[in-house]
Amino acid sequence: MTAEEVTDRHVGLHIEGNEKDVVIVLDDGYPDSPPARIQTPEATFEIEASDWSPECELADVVEALP
């Protein structure tokens, strides 16, 4: 996993493994707010605030990706 500054408010976490290549972009509101976006080579995903809880685990989100 590597981290990089995307903007002054956003950090991108790049997770690369055998079957997954995911970038999770977090803003300064995380974990109270969802990731700003989740990107795979195939698609970009956004999680609505109403579907998010601070108890959500990023590992579970990544596992749920196609």
C-alpha atoms as a PDB file:
ATOM      1  CA  MET A   1       0.000   0.000   0.000  1.00  0.00           C
ATOM      2  CA  THR A   2       1.242   3.481  -0.834  1.00  0.00           C
ATOM      3  CA  ALA A   3      -0.184   6.878   0.024  1.00  0.00           C
ATOM      4  CA  GLU A   4       0.012  10.072  -1.989  1.00  0.00           C
ATOM      5  CA  GLU A   5      -1.363  13.566  -1.616  1.00  0.00           C
ATOM      6  CA  VAL A   6      -4.035  14.125  -4.268  1.00  0.00           C
ATOM      7  CA  THR A   7      -5.026  17.660  -3.229  1.00  0.00           C
ATOM      8  CA  ASP A   8      -4.493  19.689  -0.076  1.00  0.00           C
ATOM      9  CA  ARG A   9      -7.566  17.944   1.402  1.00  0.00           C
ATOM     10  CA  HIS A  10      -7.335  14.498  -0.201  1.00  0.00           C
ATOM     11  CA  VAL A  11      -5.001  11.541   0.229  1.00  0.00           C
ATOM     12  CA  GLY A  12      -5.038   8.571  -2.107  1.00  0.00           C
ATOM     13  CA  LEU A  13      -4.304   5.107  -0.741  1.00  0.00           C
ATOM     14  CA  HIS A  14      -3.179   2.752  -3.508  1.00  0.00           C
ATOM     15  CA  ILE A  15      -3.746  -0.885  -2.633  1.00  0.00           C
ATOM     16  CA  GLU A  16      -2.324  -3.371  -5.081  1.00  0.00           C
ATOM     17  CA  GLY A  17      -2.541  -7.100  -4.682  1.00  0.00           C
ATOM     18  CA  ASN A  18      -2.905 -10.345  -6.593  1.00  0.00           C
ATOM     19  CA  GLU A  19      -6.501  -9.714  -7.586  1.00  0.00           C
ATOM     20  CA  LYS A  20      -7.131  -6.068  -6.671  1.00  0.00           C
ATOM     21  CA  ASP A  21      -5.759  -2.721  -7.803  1.00  0.00           C
ATOM     22  CA  VAL A  22      -7.664  -0.028  -5.923  1.00  0.00           C
ATOM     23  CA  VAL A  23      -7.159   3.637  -5.101  1.00  0.00           C
ATOM     24  CA  ILE A  24      -9.204   4.954  -2.185  1.00  0.00           C
ATOM     25  CA  VAL A  25      -9.337   8.740  -1.981  1.00  0.00           C
ATOM     26  CA  LEU A  26      -9.971  10.043   1.532  1.00  0.00           C
ATOM     27  CA  ASP A  27     -10.616  13.592   2.620  1.00  0.00           C
ATOM     28  CA  ASP A  28     -10.109  15.228   5.998  1.00  0.00           C
ATOM     29  CA  GLY A  29     -13.596  14.132   7.109  1.00  0.00           C
ATOM     30  CA  TYR A  30     -12.755  10.424   7.076  1.00  0.00           C
ATOM     31  CA  PRO A  31     -13.836   8.239   8.939  1.00  0.00           C
ATOM     32  CA  ASP A  32     -16.898  10.323   9.770  1.00  0.00           C
ATOM     33  CA  SER A  33     -17.574  10.756   6.058  1.00  0.00           C
ATOM     34  CA  PRO A  34     -17.141   8.139   3.329  1.00  0.00           C
ATOM     35  CA  PRO A  35     -14.171   7.987   0.981  1.00  0.00           C
ATOM     36  CA  ALA A  36     -14.394  10.724  -1.653  1.00  0.00           C
ATOM     37  CA  ARG A  37     -14.084   8.026  -4.317  1.00  0.00           C
ATOM     38  CA  ILE A  38     -12.850   4.503  -4.896  1.00  0.00           C
ATOM     39  CA  GLN A  39     -11.180   3.734  -8.205  1.00  0.00           C
ATOM     40  CA  THR A  40     -10.283   0.486  -9.907  1.00  0.00           C
ATOM     41  CA  PRO A  41      -8.868   0.178 -13.422  1.00  0.00           C
ATOM     42  CA  GLU A  42     -12.381  -0.649 -14.608  1.00  0.00           C
ATOM     43  CA  ALA A  43     -14.581   1.868 -12.751  1.00  0.00           C
ATOM     44  CA  THR A  44     -14.955   4.655 -10.213  1.00  0.00           C
ATOM     45  CA  PHE A  45     -17.276   4.212  -7.232  1.00  0.00           C
ATOM     46  CA  GLU A  46     -18.742   6.710  -4.809  1.00  0.00           C
ATOM     47  CA  ILE A  47     -20.381   5.927  -1.480  1.00  0.00           C
ATOM     48  CA  GLU A  48     -23.292   8.111  -0.441  1.00  0.00           C
ATOM     49  CA  ALA A  49     -23.032   9.665   3.015  1.00  0.00           C
ATOM     50  CA  SER A  50     -26.368   8.067   3.936  1.00  0.00           C
ATOM     51  CA  ASP A  51     -24.848   4.621   3.225  1.00  0.00           C
ATOM     52  CA  TRP A  52     -21.724   5.232   5.314  1.00  0.00           C
ATOM     53  CA  SER A  53     -20.942   4.660   8.969  1.00  0.00           C
ATOM     54  CA  PRO A  54     -17.636   5.432  10.726  1.00  0.00           C
ATOM     55  CA  GLU A  55     -17.624   1.771  11.763  1.00  0.00           C
ATOM     56  CA  CYS A  56     -17.277   0.680   8.118  1.00  0.00           C
ATOM     57  CA  GLU A  57     -13.973  -1.016   7.351  1.00  0.00           C
ATOM     58  CA  LEU A  58     -12.135  -0.095   4.153  1.00  0.00           C
ATOM     59  CA  ALA A  59     -11.034  -3.719   3.811  1.00  0.00           C
ATOM     60  CA  ASP A  60     -14.699  -4.759   3.620  1.00  0.00           C
ATOM     61  CA  VAL A  61     -15.371  -2.122   0.964  1.00  0.00           C
ATOM     62  CA  VAL A  62     -12.428  -3.351  -1.133  1.00  0.00           C
ATOM     63  CA  GLU A  63     -13.543  -6.970  -0.751  1.00  0.00           C
ATOM     64  CA  ALA A  64     -17.007  -6.052  -2.035  1.00  0.00           C
ATOM     65  CA  LEU A  65     -15.656  -4.533  -5.266  1.00  0.00           C
ATOM     66  CA  PRO A  66     -16.127  -6.593  -8.436  1.00  0.00           C
END
